[in-house]
Amino acid sequence: MTKSISAIQELIYRRTNHGPENSYICNAILRNYGAIKATVLATIMDRCFPKMDEWFVFPHKEQMKILNLSEYHIRECKKFFIQHNIITTQIKGMPAKEWYLFNPEAFQQFVDNLRKTEEAE
């Protein structure tokens, strides 16, 4: 378990502005939301990096293969990130595909809210 958590931390760390607070971000997401959400978020960030302001396709089947998670877990995490405005999705094209857009500003606000919550405790 420790090995997989380290891998999650490393993946999130690589995709967040390499500064001193990166280890805080990794640990806060893991502590507050668990390894599954942290892993899915890190994978989405990895997929859209370095062009975080562009739409990209990331099919559920591909996510399931990469993460070794069920479609249920992928959908639940996606719903969570949409509710927090971290990602936006659209169905476009023929055949229809789900497109994702990562919102770095909402992610930063999400991290700031985590920090405020942890400081209040």
N, C-alpha and C. Protein backbone atom coordinates (compact mmCIF):
# COMPACT_ATOMS: atom_id res chain seq x y z
N MET A 1 0.83 -1.20 0.00
CA MET A 1 0.00 0.00 0.00
C MET A 1 0.87 1.26 0.00
N THR A 2 1.92 1.30 0.79
CA THR A 2 2.79 2.46 0.86
C THR A 2 3.43 2.73 -0.49
N LYS A 3 3.79 1.67 -1.20
CA LYS A 3 4.41 1.83 -2.51
C LYS A 3 3.45 2.50 -3.49
N SER A 4 2.17 2.09 -3.49
CA SER A 4 1.21 2.69 -4.41
C SER A 4 0.91 4.14 -4.03
N ILE A 5 0.86 4.45 -2.75
CA ILE A 5 0.64 5.83 -2.32
C ILE A 5 1.81 6.70 -2.76
N SER A 6 3.04 6.18 -2.66
CA SER A 6 4.20 6.94 -3.12
C SER A 6 4.11 7.21 -4.62
N ALA A 7 3.64 6.23 -5.38
CA ALA A 7 3.49 6.42 -6.82
C ALA A 7 2.45 7.49 -7.12
N ILE A 8 1.36 7.50 -6.35
CA ILE A 8 0.31 8.51 -6.53
C ILE A 8 0.88 9.89 -6.20
N GLN A 9 1.60 9.98 -5.10
CA GLN A 9 2.20 11.25 -4.71
C GLN A 9 3.15 11.75 -5.79
N GLU A 10 3.95 10.85 -6.34
CA GLU A 10 4.91 11.23 -7.38
C GLU A 10 4.18 11.73 -8.63
N LEU A 11 3.12 11.05 -9.02
CA LEU A 11 2.37 11.45 -10.21
C LEU A 11 1.73 12.82 -10.03
N ILE A 12 1.12 13.06 -8.89
CA ILE A 12 0.53 14.38 -8.63
C ILE A 12 1.63 15.43 -8.56
N TYR A 13 2.73 15.09 -7.89
CA TYR A 13 3.84 16.03 -7.74
C TYR A 13 4.38 16.49 -9.09
N ARG A 14 4.53 15.54 -10.03
CA ARG A 14 5.08 15.89 -11.35
C ARG A 14 4.17 16.84 -12.10
N ARG A 15 2.87 16.85 -11.81
CA ARG A 15 1.93 17.66 -12.59
C ARG A 15 1.43 18.89 -11.86
N THR A 16 2.02 19.20 -10.71
CA THR A 16 1.66 20.43 -10.01
C THR A 16 2.92 21.26 -9.85
N ASN A 17 2.89 22.47 -10.18
CA ASN A 17 3.97 23.44 -10.25
C ASN A 17 5.23 23.23 -9.42
N HIS A 18 5.81 22.10 -9.37
CA HIS A 18 7.08 21.78 -8.70
C HIS A 18 7.56 22.84 -7.70
N GLY A 19 6.85 23.04 -6.65
CA GLY A 19 7.25 23.97 -5.61
C GLY A 19 7.21 23.29 -4.27
N PRO A 20 7.51 24.01 -3.21
CA PRO A 20 7.57 23.40 -1.88
C PRO A 20 6.22 22.89 -1.39
N GLU A 21 5.13 23.40 -1.94
CA GLU A 21 3.83 22.95 -1.43
C GLU A 21 3.31 21.70 -2.14
N ASN A 22 4.07 21.17 -3.09
CA ASN A 22 3.61 19.99 -3.81
C ASN A 22 3.38 18.79 -2.92
N SER A 23 4.28 18.55 -1.99
CA SER A 23 4.07 17.41 -1.10
C SER A 23 2.82 17.63 -0.26
N TYR A 24 2.53 18.90 0.08
CA TYR A 24 1.29 19.19 0.81
C TYR A 24 0.08 18.84 -0.03
N ILE A 25 0.08 19.22 -1.31
CA ILE A 25 -1.05 18.94 -2.19
C ILE A 25 -1.28 17.44 -2.30
N CYS A 26 -0.21 16.70 -2.55
CA CYS A 26 -0.31 15.24 -2.66
C CYS A 26 -0.92 14.64 -1.41
N ASN A 27 -0.36 14.98 -0.28
CA ASN A 27 -0.82 14.40 0.98
C ASN A 27 -2.23 14.84 1.34
N ALA A 28 -2.57 16.10 1.07
CA ALA A 28 -3.91 16.60 1.40
C ALA A 28 -4.98 15.89 0.59
N ILE A 29 -4.74 15.69 -0.70
CA ILE A 29 -5.71 14.99 -1.54
C ILE A 29 -5.86 13.55 -1.08
N LEU A 30 -4.75 12.90 -0.80
CA LEU A 30 -4.81 11.51 -0.32
C LEU A 30 -5.54 11.41 1.02
N ARG A 31 -5.21 12.30 1.94
CA ARG A 31 -5.83 12.26 3.28
C ARG A 31 -7.33 12.52 3.24
N ASN A 32 -7.72 13.51 2.47
CA ASN A 32 -9.12 13.95 2.49
C ASN A 32 -10.03 13.21 1.54
N TYR A 33 -9.49 12.69 0.45
CA TYR A 33 -10.35 12.11 -0.57
C TYR A 33 -9.98 10.69 -0.97
N GLY A 34 -8.87 10.19 -0.49
CA GLY A 34 -8.51 8.80 -0.73
C GLY A 34 -7.68 8.59 -1.98
N ALA A 35 -7.14 7.38 -2.06
CA ALA A 35 -6.20 7.04 -3.13
C ALA A 35 -6.87 6.97 -4.49
N ILE A 36 -8.12 6.53 -4.55
CA ILE A 36 -8.77 6.39 -5.86
C ILE A 36 -8.96 7.75 -6.51
N LYS A 37 -9.52 8.71 -5.78
CA LYS A 37 -9.73 10.04 -6.36
C LYS A 37 -8.40 10.71 -6.68
N ALA A 38 -7.42 10.53 -5.80
CA ALA A 38 -6.10 11.12 -6.05
C ALA A 38 -5.47 10.54 -7.31
N THR A 39 -5.61 9.24 -7.50
CA THR A 39 -5.03 8.57 -8.66
C THR A 39 -5.73 9.00 -9.94
N VAL A 40 -7.05 9.05 -9.92
CA VAL A 40 -7.80 9.46 -11.12
C VAL A 40 -7.46 10.91 -11.47
N LEU A 41 -7.41 11.79 -10.48
CA LEU A 41 -7.06 13.19 -10.73
C LEU A 41 -5.66 13.31 -11.31
N ALA A 42 -4.70 12.59 -10.73
CA ALA A 42 -3.33 12.64 -11.23
C ALA A 42 -3.24 12.14 -12.66
N THR A 43 -4.01 11.11 -12.99
CA THR A 43 -4.00 10.56 -14.34
C THR A 43 -4.61 11.54 -15.33
N ILE A 44 -5.69 12.21 -14.94
CA ILE A 44 -6.30 13.23 -15.80
C ILE A 44 -5.31 14.38 -16.02
N MET A 45 -4.66 14.80 -14.95
CA MET A 45 -3.68 15.88 -15.08
C MET A 45 -2.51 15.44 -15.96
N ASP A 46 -2.09 14.20 -15.81
CA ASP A 46 -1.00 13.67 -16.62
C ASP A 46 -1.40 13.64 -18.10
N ARG A 47 -2.64 13.31 -18.35
CA ARG A 47 -3.14 13.21 -19.72
C ARG A 47 -3.19 14.58 -20.41
N CYS A 48 -3.55 15.62 -19.68
CA CYS A 48 -3.71 16.94 -20.31
C CYS A 48 -2.43 17.77 -20.27
N PHE A 49 -1.43 17.34 -19.55
CA PHE A 49 -0.18 18.10 -19.41
C PHE A 49 0.61 18.02 -20.71
N PRO A 50 1.25 19.03 -21.23
CA PRO A 50 1.43 20.37 -20.69
C PRO A 50 0.38 21.37 -21.15
N LYS A 51 -0.52 20.96 -22.05
CA LYS A 51 -1.52 21.90 -22.60
C LYS A 51 -2.80 21.80 -21.79
N MET A 52 -2.79 22.38 -20.60
CA MET A 52 -3.92 22.23 -19.68
C MET A 52 -5.13 23.05 -20.08
N ASP A 53 -5.02 23.88 -21.09
CA ASP A 53 -6.16 24.69 -21.50
C ASP A 53 -6.80 24.17 -22.78
N GLU A 54 -6.50 22.92 -23.15
CA GLU A 54 -7.08 22.34 -24.37
C GLU A 54 -7.93 21.11 -24.03
N TRP A 55 -8.96 20.90 -24.83
CA TRP A 55 -9.82 19.73 -24.67
C TRP A 55 -9.06 18.48 -25.09
N PHE A 56 -9.36 17.36 -24.43
CA PHE A 56 -8.74 16.09 -24.79
C PHE A 56 -9.73 14.95 -24.56
N VAL A 57 -9.52 13.86 -25.29
CA VAL A 57 -10.37 12.67 -25.17
C VAL A 57 -9.66 11.69 -24.25
N PHE A 58 -10.42 11.10 -23.34
CA PHE A 58 -9.86 10.10 -22.42
C PHE A 58 -10.96 9.08 -22.11
N PRO A 59 -11.16 8.09 -23.01
CA PRO A 59 -12.25 7.14 -22.85
C PRO A 59 -12.19 6.35 -21.54
N HIS A 60 -13.37 6.01 -21.01
CA HIS A 60 -13.44 5.24 -19.77
C HIS A 60 -12.66 3.94 -19.87
N LYS A 61 -12.75 3.26 -21.01
CA LYS A 61 -12.05 1.98 -21.17
C LYS A 61 -10.55 2.16 -21.03
N GLU A 62 -10.03 3.24 -21.57
CA GLU A 62 -8.60 3.52 -21.44
C GLU A 62 -8.24 3.83 -19.99
N GLN A 63 -9.09 4.63 -19.32
CA GLN A 63 -8.86 4.93 -17.90
C GLN A 63 -8.88 3.65 -17.06
N MET A 64 -9.85 2.78 -17.36
CA MET A 64 -9.96 1.53 -16.62
C MET A 64 -8.71 0.68 -16.80
N LYS A 65 -8.18 0.66 -18.01
CA LYS A 65 -6.98 -0.12 -18.29
C LYS A 65 -5.75 0.46 -17.58
N ILE A 66 -5.58 1.77 -17.65
CA ILE A 66 -4.43 2.43 -17.03
C ILE A 66 -4.48 2.31 -15.51
N LEU A 67 -5.66 2.55 -14.92
CA LEU A 67 -5.79 2.63 -13.47
C LEU A 67 -6.17 1.31 -12.80
N ASN A 68 -6.61 0.35 -13.61
CA ASN A 68 -7.09 -0.93 -13.07
C ASN A 68 -8.24 -0.69 -12.08
N LEU A 69 -9.17 0.19 -12.49
CA LEU A 69 -10.36 0.49 -11.69
C LEU A 69 -11.60 0.13 -12.50
N SER A 70 -12.71 -0.04 -11.79
CA SER A 70 -13.97 -0.32 -12.47
C SER A 70 -14.53 0.96 -13.08
N GLU A 71 -15.44 0.78 -14.03
CA GLU A 71 -16.08 1.94 -14.64
C GLU A 71 -16.88 2.72 -13.59
N TYR A 72 -17.43 2.03 -12.61
CA TYR A 72 -18.16 2.70 -11.52
C TYR A 72 -17.25 3.71 -10.82
N HIS A 73 -16.03 3.30 -10.46
CA HIS A 73 -15.11 4.21 -9.76
C HIS A 73 -14.72 5.38 -10.65
N ILE A 74 -14.50 5.11 -11.93
CA ILE A 74 -14.15 6.19 -12.87
C ILE A 74 -15.29 7.21 -12.94
N ARG A 75 -16.52 6.73 -13.06
CA ARG A 75 -17.68 7.63 -13.16
C ARG A 75 -17.89 8.43 -11.87
N GLU A 76 -17.72 7.77 -10.72
CA GLU A 76 -17.89 8.46 -9.44
C GLU A 76 -16.84 9.56 -9.26
N CYS A 77 -15.61 9.27 -9.63
CA CYS A 77 -14.55 10.28 -9.52
C CYS A 77 -14.81 11.43 -10.49
N LYS A 78 -15.21 11.09 -11.71
CA LYS A 78 -15.50 12.12 -12.71
C LYS A 78 -16.62 13.04 -12.21
N LYS A 79 -17.67 12.45 -11.63
CA LYS A 79 -18.78 13.24 -11.09
C LYS A 79 -18.28 14.18 -9.98
N PHE A 80 -17.41 13.68 -9.11
CA PHE A 80 -16.84 14.47 -8.02
C PHE A 80 -16.05 15.66 -8.58
N PHE A 81 -15.20 15.41 -9.58
CA PHE A 81 -14.38 16.48 -10.14
C PHE A 81 -15.21 17.49 -10.93
N ILE A 82 -16.28 17.04 -11.56
CA ILE A 82 -17.19 17.96 -12.24
C ILE A 82 -17.90 18.85 -11.22
N GLN A 83 -18.35 18.26 -10.10
CA GLN A 83 -19.02 19.04 -9.06
C GLN A 83 -18.10 20.12 -8.48
N HIS A 84 -16.81 19.86 -8.44
CA HIS A 84 -15.84 20.83 -7.93
C HIS A 84 -15.23 21.69 -9.05
N ASN A 85 -15.78 21.57 -10.25
CA ASN A 85 -15.35 22.35 -11.43
C ASN A 85 -13.89 22.12 -11.82
N ILE A 86 -13.30 21.03 -11.36
CA ILE A 86 -11.91 20.73 -11.71
C ILE A 86 -11.83 20.27 -13.15
N ILE A 87 -12.85 19.55 -13.60
CA ILE A 87 -12.92 19.18 -15.02
C ILE A 87 -14.30 19.55 -15.56
N THR A 88 -14.34 19.74 -16.86
CA THR A 88 -15.58 19.93 -17.60
C THR A 88 -15.59 18.86 -18.67
N THR A 89 -16.77 18.32 -18.95
CA THR A 89 -16.86 17.32 -20.01
C THR A 89 -17.90 17.74 -21.03
N GLN A 90 -17.70 17.28 -22.27
CA GLN A 90 -18.65 17.50 -23.36
C GLN A 90 -18.65 16.27 -24.24
N ILE A 91 -19.82 15.97 -24.80
CA ILE A 91 -19.92 14.92 -25.80
C ILE A 91 -19.89 15.61 -27.16
N LYS A 92 -18.90 15.25 -27.99
CA LYS A 92 -18.75 15.88 -29.30
C LYS A 92 -18.38 14.83 -30.35
N GLY A 93 -18.68 15.15 -31.58
CA GLY A 93 -18.20 14.38 -32.70
C GLY A 93 -19.08 13.23 -33.13
N MET A 94 -18.67 12.63 -34.25
CA MET A 94 -19.33 11.44 -34.79
C MET A 94 -18.25 10.43 -35.07
N PRO A 95 -18.17 9.34 -34.44
CA PRO A 95 -19.04 8.92 -33.36
C PRO A 95 -18.79 9.77 -32.11
N ALA A 96 -19.80 9.84 -31.27
CA ALA A 96 -19.73 10.69 -30.09
C ALA A 96 -18.62 10.22 -29.15
N LYS A 97 -17.84 11.19 -28.68
CA LYS A 97 -16.77 10.92 -27.71
C LYS A 97 -16.88 11.95 -26.60
N GLU A 98 -16.48 11.53 -25.41
CA GLU A 98 -16.48 12.45 -24.27
C GLU A 98 -15.15 13.17 -24.22
N TRP A 99 -15.20 14.49 -24.23
CA TRP A 99 -14.02 15.34 -24.18
C TRP A 99 -13.91 15.96 -22.80
N TYR A 100 -12.69 16.12 -22.32
CA TYR A 100 -12.41 16.68 -21.01
C TYR A 100 -11.65 17.99 -21.16
N LEU A 101 -11.88 18.88 -20.20
CA LEU A 101 -11.11 20.11 -20.09
C LEU A 101 -10.74 20.27 -18.62
N PHE A 102 -9.45 20.34 -18.33
CA PHE A 102 -8.97 20.53 -16.96
C PHE A 102 -8.97 22.01 -16.65
N ASN A 103 -9.42 22.38 -15.44
CA ASN A 103 -9.51 23.77 -15.03
C ASN A 103 -8.48 24.03 -13.92
N PRO A 104 -7.29 24.55 -14.27
CA PRO A 104 -6.24 24.77 -13.27
C PRO A 104 -6.64 25.74 -12.17
N GLU A 105 -7.46 26.75 -12.51
CA GLU A 105 -7.88 27.73 -11.49
C GLU A 105 -8.78 27.06 -10.45
N ALA A 106 -9.71 26.24 -10.92
CA ALA A 106 -10.59 25.52 -9.98
C ALA A 106 -9.79 24.54 -9.15
N PHE A 107 -8.78 23.91 -9.75
CA PHE A 107 -7.93 22.99 -9.00
C PHE A 107 -7.20 23.75 -7.90
N GLN A 108 -6.68 24.93 -8.21
CA GLN A 108 -5.98 25.73 -7.21
C GLN A 108 -6.92 26.14 -6.08
N GLN A 109 -8.15 26.51 -6.44
CA GLN A 109 -9.15 26.86 -5.43
C GLN A 109 -9.48 25.64 -4.56
N PHE A 110 -9.58 24.48 -5.17
CA PHE A 110 -9.83 23.23 -4.46
C PHE A 110 -8.72 22.98 -3.44
N VAL A 111 -7.47 23.17 -3.85
CA VAL A 111 -6.32 22.97 -2.96
C VAL A 111 -6.34 24.02 -1.85
N ASP A 112 -6.65 25.27 -2.17
CA ASP A 112 -6.73 26.32 -1.15
C ASP A 112 -7.81 26.00 -0.12
N ASN A 113 -8.95 25.49 -0.57
CA ASN A 113 -10.01 25.10 0.36
C ASN A 113 -9.58 23.95 1.26
N LEU A 114 -8.82 23.01 0.70
CA LEU A 114 -8.28 21.92 1.53
C LEU A 114 -7.38 22.47 2.62
N ARG A 115 -6.54 23.42 2.22
CA ARG A 115 -5.61 24.03 3.19
C ARG A 115 -6.38 24.74 4.31
N LYS A 116 -7.40 25.51 3.95
CA LYS A 116 -8.19 26.23 4.96
C LYS A 116 -8.89 25.25 5.89
N THR A 117 -9.43 24.16 5.34
CA THR A 117 -10.12 23.17 6.15
C THR A 117 -9.16 22.51 7.13
N GLU A 118 -7.98 22.16 6.65
CA GLU A 118 -7.01 21.49 7.53
C GLU A 118 -6.47 22.43 8.59
N GLU A 119 -6.29 23.71 8.25
CA GLU A 119 -5.82 24.67 9.23
C GLU A 119 -6.86 24.94 10.31
N ALA A 120 -8.14 24.85 9.95
CA ALA A 120 -9.21 25.09 10.92
C ALA A 120 -9.35 23.95 11.92
N GLU A 121 -8.89 22.77 11.54
CA GLU A 121 -9.04 21.61 12.43
C GLU A 121 -8.01 21.57 13.51
